[in-house]
Amino acid sequence: MKTFMGLMIAGVAVVLLSAPAWAGNKHVDEAVHHAKEAVDHGKQGHADAVVKHASVALEHAQGAAKDVKSPHLDEGIKGLKGAIEHGKAGHADVATKEAQSAVMHLSEVK
């Protein structure tokens, strides 16, 4: 009986400790949200708004990178940096493409 209880406690502990892995990463979710906002504004030609939303998305993506290791996250960060760079230069069309790439990659982060 003691062995059974020990196994039950161990099983519950495994489930509880792995729950955060199932929940997703809030930073990734926020990065995707703001990257999509950047894309929407970029399609309207608002380069300044692309910079604003891509910057917020970048902060969240970099926060996620502290906990999550993923090549998609790395590529998403690269795309966000490109969106910011091109948005600051007033190139809304190129900034939008970079933000779209970021959305695609960030959406793949598990």
PDB file of N, CA and C in Angstrom:
ATOM      1  N   MET A   1       0.814  -1.188   0.000  1.00  0.00           N
ATOM      2  CA  MET A   1       0.000   0.000   0.000  1.00  0.00           C
ATOM      3  C   MET A   1       0.863   1.259   0.000  1.00  0.00           C
ATOM      4  N   LYS A   2       1.978   1.242   0.750  1.00  0.00           N
ATOM      5  CA  LYS A   2       2.863   2.400   0.780  1.00  0.00           C
ATOM      6  C   LYS A   2       3.458   2.651  -0.603  1.00  0.00           C
ATOM      7  N   THR A   3       3.788   1.577  -1.311  1.00  0.00           N
ATOM      8  CA  THR A   3       4.352   1.707  -2.652  1.00  0.00           C
ATOM      9  C   THR A   3       3.332   2.345  -3.586  1.00  0.00           C
ATOM     10  N   PHE A   4       2.093   1.913  -3.487  1.00  0.00           N
ATOM     11  CA  PHE A   4       1.027   2.463  -4.318  1.00  0.00           C
ATOM     12  C   PHE A   4       0.856   3.957  -4.063  1.00  0.00           C
ATOM     13  N   MET A   5       0.829   4.356  -2.806  1.00  0.00           N
ATOM     14  CA  MET A   5       0.676   5.776  -2.453  1.00  0.00           C
ATOM     15  C   MET A   5       1.874   6.583  -2.954  1.00  0.00           C
ATOM     16  N   GLY A   6       3.046   6.014  -2.827  1.00  0.00           N
ATOM     17  CA  GLY A   6       4.248   6.690  -3.314  1.00  0.00           C
ATOM     18  C   GLY A   6       4.192   6.923  -4.815  1.00  0.00           C
ATOM     19  N   LEU A   7       3.719   5.905  -5.539  1.00  0.00           N
ATOM     20  CA  LEU A   7       3.580   6.040  -6.983  1.00  0.00           C
ATOM     21  C   LEU A   7       2.512   7.069  -7.351  1.00  0.00           C
ATOM     22  N   MET A   8       1.440   7.086  -6.600  1.00  0.00           N
ATOM     23  CA  MET A   8       0.369   8.064  -6.842  1.00  0.00           C
ATOM     24  C   MET A   8       0.886   9.483  -6.631  1.00  0.00           C
ATOM     25  N   ILE A   9       1.599   9.701  -5.567  1.00  0.00           N
ATOM     26  CA  ILE A   9       2.143  11.031  -5.275  1.00  0.00           C
ATOM     27  C   ILE A   9       3.136  11.438  -6.360  1.00  0.00           C
ATOM     28  N   ALA A  10       3.984  10.512  -6.767  1.00  0.00           N
ATOM     29  CA  ALA A  10       4.955  10.801  -7.823  1.00  0.00           C
ATOM     30  C   ALA A  10       4.237  11.140  -9.131  1.00  0.00           C
ATOM     31  N   GLY A  11       3.192  10.418  -9.445  1.00  0.00           N
ATOM     32  CA  GLY A  11       2.422  10.675 -10.664  1.00  0.00           C
ATOM     33  C   GLY A  11       1.770  12.036 -10.649  1.00  0.00           C
ATOM     34  N   VAL A  12       1.189  12.397  -9.526  1.00  0.00           N
ATOM     35  CA  VAL A  12       0.558  13.715  -9.396  1.00  0.00           C
ATOM     36  C   VAL A  12       1.613  14.816  -9.540  1.00  0.00           C
ATOM     37  N   ALA A  13       2.771  14.612  -8.945  1.00  0.00           N
ATOM     38  CA  ALA A  13       3.843  15.603  -9.028  1.00  0.00           C
ATOM     39  C   ALA A  13       4.289  15.800 -10.477  1.00  0.00           C
ATOM     40  N   VAL A  14       4.412  14.714 -11.220  1.00  0.00           N
ATOM     41  CA  VAL A  14       4.814  14.816 -12.629  1.00  0.00           C
ATOM     42  C   VAL A  14       3.783  15.609 -13.414  1.00  0.00           C
ATOM     43  N   VAL A  15       2.516  15.326 -13.205  1.00  0.00           N
ATOM     44  CA  VAL A  15       1.453  16.039 -13.910  1.00  0.00           C
ATOM     45  C   VAL A  15       1.480  17.523 -13.568  1.00  0.00           C
ATOM     46  N   LEU A  16       1.593  17.857 -12.312  1.00  0.00           N
ATOM     47  CA  LEU A  16       1.579  19.261 -11.900  1.00  0.00           C
ATOM     48  C   LEU A  16       2.813  20.015 -12.388  1.00  0.00           C
ATOM     49  N   LEU A  17       3.941  19.386 -12.363  1.00  0.00           N
ATOM     50  CA  LEU A  17       5.162  20.060 -12.784  1.00  0.00           C
ATOM     51  C   LEU A  17       5.248  20.231 -14.294  1.00  0.00           C
ATOM     52  N   SER A  18       4.584  19.385 -15.047  1.00  0.00           N
ATOM     53  CA  SER A  18       4.632  19.524 -16.499  1.00  0.00           C
ATOM     54  C   SER A  18       3.463  20.349 -17.028  1.00  0.00           C
ATOM     55  N   ALA A  19       2.545  20.777 -16.195  1.00  0.00           N
ATOM     56  CA  ALA A  19       1.399  21.579 -16.630  1.00  0.00           C
ATOM     57  C   ALA A  19       1.813  22.870 -17.328  1.00  0.00           C
ATOM     58  N   PRO A  20       2.833  23.599 -16.845  1.00  0.00           N
ATOM     59  CA  PRO A  20       3.207  24.816 -17.549  1.00  0.00           C
ATOM     60  C   PRO A  20       3.633  24.567 -18.991  1.00  0.00           C
ATOM     61  N   ALA A  21       4.195  23.424 -19.282  1.00  0.00           N
ATOM     62  CA  ALA A  21       4.598  23.110 -20.646  1.00  0.00           C
ATOM     63  C   ALA A  21       3.374  22.962 -21.552  1.00  0.00           C
ATOM     64  N   TRP A  22       2.275  22.524 -21.005  1.00  0.00           N
ATOM     65  CA  TRP A  22       1.058  22.372 -21.803  1.00  0.00           C
ATOM     66  C   TRP A  22       0.372  23.707 -22.038  1.00  0.00           C
ATOM     67  N   ALA A  23       0.573  24.637 -21.138  1.00  0.00           N
ATOM     68  CA  ALA A  23      -0.173  25.889 -21.162  1.00  0.00           C
ATOM     69  C   ALA A  23       0.275  26.834 -22.268  1.00  0.00           C
ATOM     70  N   GLY A  24       1.401  26.604 -22.911  1.00  0.00           N
ATOM     71  CA  GLY A  24       1.904  27.549 -23.880  1.00  0.00           C
ATOM     72  C   GLY A  24       2.694  28.631 -23.168  1.00  0.00           C
ATOM     73  N   ASN A  25       3.263  29.519 -23.938  1.00  0.00           N
ATOM     74  CA  ASN A  25       4.068  30.575 -23.363  1.00  0.00           C
ATOM     75  C   ASN A  25       3.377  31.908 -23.615  1.00  0.00           C
ATOM     76  N   LYS A  26       3.059  32.609 -22.559  1.00  0.00           N
ATOM     77  CA  LYS A  26       2.342  33.889 -22.670  1.00  0.00           C
ATOM     78  C   LYS A  26       3.132  34.888 -23.512  1.00  0.00           C
ATOM     79  N   HIS A  27       4.448  34.890 -23.362  1.00  0.00           N
ATOM     80  CA  HIS A  27       5.258  35.810 -24.165  1.00  0.00           C
ATOM     81  C   HIS A  27       5.126  35.511 -25.655  1.00  0.00           C
ATOM     82  N   VAL A  28       5.116  34.245 -26.013  1.00  0.00           N
ATOM     83  CA  VAL A  28       4.962  33.881 -27.424  1.00  0.00           C
ATOM     84  C   VAL A  28       3.594  34.336 -27.920  1.00  0.00           C
ATOM     85  N   ASP A  29       2.560  34.097 -27.139  1.00  0.00           N
ATOM     86  CA  ASP A  29       1.211  34.513 -27.526  1.00  0.00           C
ATOM     87  C   ASP A  29       1.142  36.021 -27.761  1.00  0.00           C
ATOM     88  N   GLU A  30       1.740  36.787 -26.865  1.00  0.00           N
ATOM     89  CA  GLU A  30       1.741  38.251 -26.993  1.00  0.00           C
ATOM     90  C   GLU A  30       2.579  38.681 -28.198  1.00  0.00           C
ATOM     91  N   ALA A  31       3.694  38.001 -28.435  1.00  0.00           N
ATOM     92  CA  ALA A  31       4.529  38.331 -29.589  1.00  0.00           C
ATOM     93  C   ALA A  31       3.758  38.120 -30.884  1.00  0.00           C
ATOM     94  N   VAL A  32       3.036  37.010 -30.977  1.00  0.00           N
ATOM     95  CA  VAL A  32       2.229  36.736 -32.172  1.00  0.00           C
ATOM     96  C   VAL A  32       1.155  37.811 -32.336  1.00  0.00           C
ATOM     97  N   HIS A  33       0.484  38.147 -31.245  1.00  0.00           N
ATOM     98  CA  HIS A  33      -0.585  39.160 -31.297  1.00  0.00           C
ATOM     99  C   HIS A  33      -0.048  40.487 -31.851  1.00  0.00           C
ATOM    100  N   HIS A  34       1.048  40.963 -31.295  1.00  0.00           N
ATOM    101  CA  HIS A  34       1.584  42.254 -31.723  1.00  0.00           C
ATOM    102  C   HIS A  34       2.207  42.185 -33.115  1.00  0.00           C
ATOM    103  N   ALA A  35       2.782  41.048 -33.471  1.00  0.00           N
ATOM    104  CA  ALA A  35       3.317  40.901 -34.825  1.00  0.00           C
ATOM    105  C   ALA A  35       2.179  40.964 -35.848  1.00  0.00           C
ATOM    106  N   LYS A  36       1.031  40.369 -35.519  1.00  0.00           N
ATOM    107  CA  LYS A  36      -0.141  40.451 -36.406  1.00  0.00           C
ATOM    108  C   LYS A  36      -0.635  41.888 -36.513  1.00  0.00           C
ATOM    109  N   GLU A  37      -0.604  42.612 -35.403  1.00  0.00           N
ATOM    110  CA  GLU A  37      -0.978  44.030 -35.431  1.00  0.00           C
ATOM    111  C   GLU A  37      -0.032  44.804 -36.350  1.00  0.00           C
ATOM    112  N   ALA A  38       1.256  44.481 -36.279  1.00  0.00           N
ATOM    113  CA  ALA A  38       2.244  45.132 -37.143  1.00  0.00           C
ATOM    114  C   ALA A  38       1.911  44.876 -38.615  1.00  0.00           C
ATOM    115  N   VAL A  39       1.550  43.641 -38.928  1.00  0.00           N
ATOM    116  CA  VAL A  39       1.188  43.293 -40.308  1.00  0.00           C
ATOM    117  C   VAL A  39      -0.037  44.087 -40.744  1.00  0.00           C
ATOM    118  N   ASP A  40      -1.056  44.122 -39.911  1.00  0.00           N
ATOM    119  CA  ASP A  40      -2.289  44.850 -40.262  1.00  0.00           C
ATOM    120  C   ASP A  40      -2.003  46.319 -40.556  1.00  0.00           C
ATOM    121  N   HIS A  41      -1.205  46.946 -39.708  1.00  0.00           N
ATOM    122  CA  HIS A  41      -0.886  48.362 -39.915  1.00  0.00           C
ATOM    123  C   HIS A  41       0.015  48.547 -41.138  1.00  0.00           C
ATOM    124  N   GLY A  42       0.919  47.618 -41.346  1.00  0.00           N
ATOM    125  CA  GLY A  42       1.792  47.705 -42.510  1.00  0.00           C
ATOM    126  C   GLY A  42       1.021  47.634 -43.815  1.00  0.00           C
ATOM    127  N   LYS A  43      -0.016  46.820 -43.849  1.00  0.00           N
ATOM    128  CA  LYS A  43      -0.848  46.720 -45.054  1.00  0.00           C
ATOM    129  C   LYS A  43      -1.572  48.031 -45.342  1.00  0.00           C
ATOM    130  N   GLN A  44      -1.732  48.846 -44.303  1.00  0.00           N
ATOM    131  CA  GLN A  44      -2.359  50.168 -44.468  1.00  0.00           C
ATOM    132  C   GLN A  44      -1.319  51.252 -44.757  1.00  0.00           C
ATOM    133  N   GLY A  45      -0.040  50.843 -44.816  1.00  0.00           N
ATOM    134  CA  GLY A  45       1.020  51.791 -45.116  1.00  0.00           C
ATOM    135  C   GLY A  45       1.526  52.562 -43.920  1.00  0.00           C
ATOM    136  N   HIS A  46       1.193  52.132 -42.711  1.00  0.00           N
ATOM    137  CA  HIS A  46       1.580  52.835 -41.483  1.00  0.00           C
ATOM    138  C   HIS A  46       2.896  52.291 -40.939  1.00  0.00           C
ATOM    139  N   ALA A  47       4.000  52.745 -41.506  1.00  0.00           N
ATOM    140  CA  ALA A  47       5.316  52.240 -41.107  1.00  0.00           C
ATOM    141  C   ALA A  47       5.595  52.497 -39.634  1.00  0.00           C
ATOM    142  N   ASP A  48       5.158  53.645 -39.115  1.00  0.00           N
ATOM    143  CA  ASP A  48       5.399  53.970 -37.705  1.00  0.00           C
ATOM    144  C   ASP A  48       4.683  53.000 -36.773  1.00  0.00           C
ATOM    145  N   ALA A  49       3.486  52.579 -37.140  1.00  0.00           N
ATOM    146  CA  ALA A  49       2.737  51.621 -36.315  1.00  0.00           C
ATOM    147  C   ALA A  49       3.357  50.224 -36.413  1.00  0.00           C
ATOM    148  N   VAL A  50       3.967  49.913 -37.555  1.00  0.00           N
ATOM    149  CA  VAL A  50       4.677  48.634 -37.680  1.00  0.00           C
ATOM    150  C   VAL A  50       5.810  48.609 -36.669  1.00  0.00           C
ATOM    151  N   VAL A  51       6.552  49.709 -36.597  1.00  0.00           N
ATOM    152  CA  VAL A  51       7.671  49.799 -35.650  1.00  0.00           C
ATOM    153  C   VAL A  51       7.172  49.632 -34.218  1.00  0.00           C
ATOM    154  N   LYS A  52       6.083  50.313 -33.903  1.00  0.00           N
ATOM    155  CA  LYS A  52       5.534  50.256 -32.538  1.00  0.00           C
ATOM    156  C   LYS A  52       5.158  48.821 -32.161  1.00  0.00           C
ATOM    157  N   HIS A  53       4.371  48.163 -32.972  1.00  0.00           N
ATOM    158  CA  HIS A  53       3.895  46.816 -32.638  1.00  0.00           C
ATOM    159  C   HIS A  53       5.003  45.768 -32.766  1.00  0.00           C
ATOM    160  N   ALA A  54       5.870  45.921 -33.756  1.00  0.00           N
ATOM    161  CA  ALA A  54       6.976  44.974 -33.890  1.00  0.00           C
ATOM    162  C   ALA A  54       7.930  45.091 -32.704  1.00  0.00           C
ATOM    163  N   SER A  55       8.080  46.301 -32.176  1.00  0.00           N
ATOM    164  CA  SER A  55       8.949  46.495 -31.003  1.00  0.00           C
ATOM    165  C   SER A  55       8.380  45.798 -29.771  1.00  0.00           C
ATOM    166  N   VAL A  56       7.080  45.921 -29.574  1.00  0.00           N
ATOM    167  CA  VAL A  56       6.443  45.239 -28.445  1.00  0.00           C
ATOM    168  C   VAL A  56       6.530  43.725 -28.642  1.00  0.00           C
ATOM    169  N   ALA A  57       6.287  43.283 -29.869  1.00  0.00           N
ATOM    170  CA  ALA A  57       6.388  41.844 -30.174  1.00  0.00           C
ATOM    171  C   ALA A  57       7.809  41.346 -29.909  1.00  0.00           C
ATOM    172  N   LEU A  58       8.793  42.139 -30.277  1.00  0.00           N
ATOM    173  CA  LEU A  58      10.187  41.753 -30.067  1.00  0.00           C
ATOM    174  C   LEU A  58      10.499  41.602 -28.588  1.00  0.00           C
ATOM    175  N   GLU A  59      10.010  42.529 -27.769  1.00  0.00           N
ATOM    176  CA  GLU A  59      10.228  42.428 -26.321  1.00  0.00           C
ATOM    177  C   GLU A  59       9.671  41.110 -25.785  1.00  0.00           C
ATOM    178  N   HIS A  60       8.470  40.761 -26.223  1.00  0.00           N
ATOM    179  CA  HIS A  60       7.855  39.513 -25.768  1.00  0.00           C
ATOM    180  C   HIS A  60       8.600  38.292 -26.312  1.00  0.00           C
ATOM    181  N   ALA A  61       9.004  38.342 -27.565  1.00  0.00           N
ATOM    182  CA  ALA A  61       9.731  37.212 -28.150  1.00  0.00           C
ATOM    183  C   ALA A  61      11.060  37.001 -27.428  1.00  0.00           C
ATOM    184  N   GLN A  62      11.742  38.086 -27.111  1.00  0.00           N
ATOM    185  CA  GLN A  62      13.007  37.962 -26.381  1.00  0.00           C
ATOM    186  C   GLN A  62      12.769  37.452 -24.961  1.00  0.00           C
ATOM    187  N   GLY A  63      11.646  37.831 -24.359  1.00  0.00           N
ATOM    188  CA  GLY A  63      11.285  37.295 -23.040  1.00  0.00           C
ATOM    189  C   GLY A  63      11.032  35.801 -23.120  1.00  0.00           C
ATOM    190  N   ALA A  64      10.369  35.368 -24.183  1.00  0.00           N
ATOM    191  CA  ALA A  64      10.094  33.937 -24.373  1.00  0.00           C
ATOM    192  C   ALA A  64      11.383  33.165 -24.583  1.00  0.00           C
ATOM    193  N   ALA A  65      12.366  33.797 -25.229  1.00  0.00           N
ATOM    194  CA  ALA A  65      13.623  33.120 -25.535  1.00  0.00           C
ATOM    195  C   ALA A  65      14.392  32.730 -24.276  1.00  0.00           C
ATOM    196  N   LYS A  66      14.045  33.335 -23.150  1.00  0.00           N
ATOM    197  CA  LYS A  66      14.691  32.970 -21.887  1.00  0.00           C
ATOM    198  C   LYS A  66      14.236  31.588 -21.417  1.00  0.00           C
ATOM    199  N   ASP A  67      13.019  31.199 -21.820  1.00  0.00           N
ATOM    200  CA  ASP A  67      12.444  29.925 -21.383  1.00  0.00           C
ATOM    201  C   ASP A  67      12.335  28.889 -22.490  1.00  0.00           C
ATOM    202  N   VAL A  68      12.254  29.350 -23.721  1.00  0.00           N
ATOM    203  CA  VAL A  68      11.967  28.476 -24.858  1.00  0.00           C
ATOM    204  C   VAL A  68      13.133  28.513 -25.841  1.00  0.00           C
ATOM    205  N   LYS A  69      13.578  27.367 -26.251  1.00  0.00           N
ATOM    206  CA  LYS A  69      14.619  27.277 -27.282  1.00  0.00           C
ATOM    207  C   LYS A  69      13.974  26.703 -28.537  1.00  0.00           C
ATOM    208  N   SER A  70      13.943  27.515 -29.590  1.00  0.00           N
ATOM    209  CA  SER A  70      13.288  27.086 -30.817  1.00  0.00           C
ATOM    210  C   SER A  70      13.869  27.852 -32.000  1.00  0.00           C
ATOM    211  N   PRO A  71      14.175  27.148 -33.089  1.00  0.00           N
ATOM    212  CA  PRO A  71      14.646  27.865 -34.284  1.00  0.00           C
ATOM    213  C   PRO A  71      13.567  28.785 -34.845  1.00  0.00           C
ATOM    214  N   HIS A  72      12.304  28.434 -34.652  1.00  0.00           N
ATOM    215  CA  HIS A  72      11.220  29.306 -35.112  1.00  0.00           C
ATOM    216  C   HIS A  72      11.199  30.605 -34.306  1.00  0.00           C
ATOM    217  N   LEU A  73      11.469  30.513 -33.026  1.00  0.00           N
ATOM    218  CA  LEU A  73      11.525  31.717 -32.198  1.00  0.00           C
ATOM    219  C   LEU A  73      12.685  32.601 -32.657  1.00  0.00           C
ATOM    220  N   ASP A  74      13.812  31.991 -32.935  1.00  0.00           N
ATOM    221  CA  ASP A  74      14.973  32.752 -33.420  1.00  0.00           C
ATOM    222  C   ASP A  74      14.661  33.459 -34.738  1.00  0.00           C
ATOM    223  N   GLU A  75      13.999  32.758 -35.649  1.00  0.00           N
ATOM    224  CA  GLU A  75      13.635  33.358 -36.942  1.00  0.00           C
ATOM    225  C   GLU A  75      12.570  34.435 -36.772  1.00  0.00           C
ATOM    226  N   GLY A  76      11.656  34.224 -35.825  1.00  0.00           N
ATOM    227  CA  GLY A  76      10.651  35.242 -35.536  1.00  0.00           C
ATOM    228  C   GLY A  76      11.292  36.526 -35.034  1.00  0.00           C
ATOM    229  N   ILE A  77      12.260  36.392 -34.154  1.00  0.00           N
ATOM    230  CA  ILE A  77      12.991  37.561 -33.638  1.00  0.00           C
ATOM    231  C   ILE A  77      13.716  38.266 -34.780  1.00  0.00           C
ATOM    232  N   LYS A  78      14.316  37.494 -35.656  1.00  0.00           N
ATOM    233  CA  LYS A  78      15.013  38.065 -36.816  1.00  0.00           C
ATOM    234  C   LYS A  78      14.034  38.862 -37.689  1.00  0.00           C
ATOM    235  N   GLY A  79      12.863  38.301 -37.925  1.00  0.00           N
ATOM    236  CA  GLY A  79      11.848  38.992 -38.723  1.00  0.00           C
ATOM    237  C   GLY A  79      11.364  40.274 -38.063  1.00  0.00           C
ATOM    238  N   LEU A  80      11.186  40.228 -36.755  1.00  0.00           N
ATOM    239  CA  LEU A  80      10.742  41.432 -36.042  1.00  0.00           C
ATOM    240  C   LEU A  80      11.796  42.534 -36.112  1.00  0.00           C
ATOM    241  N   LYS A  81      13.051  42.147 -35.976  1.00  0.00           N
ATOM    242  CA  LYS A  81      14.129  43.140 -36.085  1.00  0.00           C
ATOM    243  C   LYS A  81      14.141  43.758 -37.482  1.00  0.00           C
ATOM    244  N   GLY A  82      13.913  42.932 -38.495  1.00  0.00           N
ATOM    245  CA  GLY A  82      13.835  43.440 -39.862  1.00  0.00           C
ATOM    246  C   GLY A  82      12.657  44.368 -40.056  1.00  0.00           C
ATOM    247  N   ALA A  83      11.520  44.020 -39.465  1.00  0.00           N
ATOM    248  CA  ALA A  83      10.328  44.871 -39.567  1.00  0.00           C
ATOM    249  C   ALA A  83      10.588  46.231 -38.929  1.00  0.00           C
ATOM    250  N   ILE A  84      11.253  46.228 -37.791  1.00  0.00           N
ATOM    251  CA  ILE A  84      11.560  47.488 -37.107  1.00  0.00           C
ATOM    252  C   ILE A  84      12.520  48.329 -37.958  1.00  0.00           C
ATOM    253  N   GLU A  85      13.567  47.689 -38.457  1.00  0.00           N
ATOM    254  CA  GLU A  85      14.558  48.403 -39.262  1.00  0.00           C
ATOM    255  C   GLU A  85      13.915  49.054 -40.493  1.00  0.00           C
ATOM    256  N   HIS A  86      13.138  48.275 -41.238  1.00  0.00           N
ATOM    257  CA  HIS A  86      12.516  48.799 -42.451  1.00  0.00           C
ATOM    258  C   HIS A  86      11.397  49.785 -42.138  1.00  0.00           C
ATOM    259  N   GLY A  87      10.685  49.555 -41.047  1.00  0.00           N
ATOM    260  CA  GLY A  87       9.647  50.497 -40.647  1.00  0.00           C
ATOM    261  C   GLY A  87      10.223  51.854 -40.293  1.00  0.00           C
ATOM    262  N   LYS A  88      11.350  51.852 -39.597  1.00  0.00           N
ATOM    263  CA  LYS A  88      12.005  53.121 -39.244  1.00  0.00           C
ATOM    264  C   LYS A  88      12.471  53.876 -40.490  1.00  0.00           C
ATOM    265  N   ALA A  89      12.785  53.122 -41.542  1.00  0.00           N
ATOM    266  CA  ALA A  89      13.208  53.735 -42.800  1.00  0.00           C
ATOM    267  C   ALA A  89      12.008  54.177 -43.644  1.00  0.00           C
ATOM    268  N   GLY A  90      10.792  53.899 -43.141  1.00  0.00           N
ATOM    269  CA  GLY A  90       9.588  54.298 -43.861  1.00  0.00           C
ATOM    270  C   GLY A  90       9.151  53.317 -44.928  1.00  0.00           C
ATOM    271  N   HIS A  91       9.747  52.153 -44.965  1.00  0.00           N
ATOM    272  CA  HIS A  91       9.420  51.137 -45.970  1.00  0.00           C
ATOM    273  C   HIS A  91       8.344  50.191 -45.425  1.00  0.00           C
ATOM    274  N   ALA A  92       7.120  50.650 -45.412  1.00  0.00           N
ATOM    275  CA  ALA A  92       6.025  49.864 -44.829  1.00  0.00           C
ATOM    276  C   ALA A  92       5.842  48.529 -45.532  1.00  0.00           C
ATOM    277  N   ASP A  93       6.049  48.498 -46.846  1.00  0.00           N
ATOM    278  CA  ASP A  93       5.833  47.254 -47.588  1.00  0.00           C
ATOM    279  C   ASP A  93       6.837  46.174 -47.187  1.00  0.00           C
ATOM    280  N   VAL A  94       8.109  46.532 -47.087  1.00  0.00           N
ATOM    281  CA  VAL A  94       9.135  45.559 -46.704  1.00  0.00           C
ATOM    282  C   VAL A  94       8.988  45.199 -45.225  1.00  0.00           C
ATOM    283  N   ALA A  95       8.679  46.196 -44.406  1.00  0.00           N
ATOM    284  CA  ALA A  95       8.468  45.950 -42.973  1.00  0.00           C
ATOM    285  C   ALA A  95       7.324  44.965 -42.772  1.00  0.00           C
ATOM    286  N   THR A  96       6.295  45.094 -43.582  1.00  0.00           N
ATOM    287  CA  THR A  96       5.138  44.192 -43.488  1.00  0.00           C
ATOM    288  C   THR A  96       5.538  42.758 -43.827  1.00  0.00           C
ATOM    289  N   LYS A  97       6.341  42.589 -44.860  1.00  0.00           N
ATOM    290  CA  LYS A  97       6.800  41.245 -45.238  1.00  0.00           C
ATOM    291  C   LYS A  97       7.633  40.625 -44.113  1.00  0.00           C
ATOM    292  N   GLU A  98       8.477  41.425 -43.488  1.00  0.00           N
ATOM    293  CA  GLU A  98       9.281  40.933 -42.372  1.00  0.00           C
ATOM    294  C   GLU A  98       8.379  40.539 -41.199  1.00  0.00           C
ATOM    295  N   ALA A  99       7.374  41.356 -40.931  1.00  0.00           N
ATOM    296  CA  ALA A  99       6.439  41.058 -39.834  1.00  0.00           C
ATOM    297  C   ALA A  99       5.628  39.804 -40.147  1.00  0.00           C
ATOM    298  N   GLN A 100       5.253  39.619 -41.412  1.00  0.00           N
ATOM    299  CA  GLN A 100       4.527  38.405 -41.807  1.00  0.00           C
ATOM    300  C   GLN A 100       5.382  37.166 -41.589  1.00  0.00           C
ATOM    301  N   SER A 101       6.649  37.277 -41.916  1.00  0.00           N
ATOM    302  CA  SER A 101       7.569  36.165 -41.681  1.00  0.00           C
ATOM    303  C   SER A 101       7.654  35.863 -40.186  1.00  0.00           C
ATOM    304  N   ALA A 102       7.706  36.921 -39.378  1.00  0.00           N
ATOM    305  CA  ALA A 102       7.763  36.737 -37.923  1.00  0.00           C
ATOM    306  C   ALA A 102       6.503  36.030 -37.420  1.00  0.00           C
ATOM    307  N   VAL A 103       5.349  36.432 -37.917  1.00  0.00           N
ATOM    308  CA  VAL A 103       4.095  35.796 -37.499  1.00  0.00           C
ATOM    309  C   VAL A 103       4.124  34.303 -37.840  1.00  0.00           C
ATOM    310  N   MET A 104       4.565  33.999 -39.053  1.00  0.00           N
ATOM    311  CA  MET A 104       4.613  32.602 -39.480  1.00  0.00           C
ATOM    312  C   MET A 104       5.506  31.780 -38.544  1.00  0.00           C
ATOM    313  N   HIS A 105       6.689  32.283 -38.254  1.00  0.00           N
ATOM    314  CA  HIS A 105       7.616  31.534 -37.404  1.00  0.00           C
ATOM    315  C   HIS A 105       7.153  31.486 -35.949  1.00  0.00           C
ATOM    316  N   LEU A 106       6.720  32.607 -35.423  1.00  0.00           N
ATOM    317  CA  LEU A 106       6.300  32.631 -34.019  1.00  0.00           C
ATOM    318  C   LEU A 106       5.090  31.720 -33.789  1.00  0.00           C
ATOM    319  N   SER A 107       4.246  31.626 -34.791  1.00  0.00           N
ATOM    320  CA  SER A 107       3.058  30.751 -34.662  1.00  0.00           C
ATOM    321  C   SER A 107       3.438  29.279 -34.589  1.00  0.00           C
ATOM    322  N   GLU A 108       4.642  28.941 -35.008  1.00  0.00           N
ATOM    323  CA  GLU A 108       5.129  27.559 -34.990  1.00  0.00           C
ATOM    324  C   GLU A 108       5.850  27.197 -33.695  1.00  0.00           C
ATOM    325  N   VAL A 109       6.074  28.186 -32.839  1.00  0.00           N
ATOM    326  CA  VAL A 109       6.792  27.916 -31.585  1.00  0.00           C
ATOM    327  C   VAL A 109       5.899  27.077 -30.692  1.00  0.00           C
ATOM    328  N   LYS A 110       6.428  25.966 -30.228  1.00  0.00           N
ATOM    329  CA  LYS A 110       5.654  25.053 -29.377  1.00  0.00           C
ATOM    330  C   LYS A 110       6.027  25.257 -27.936  1.00  0.00           C
TER     331      LYS A 110
END
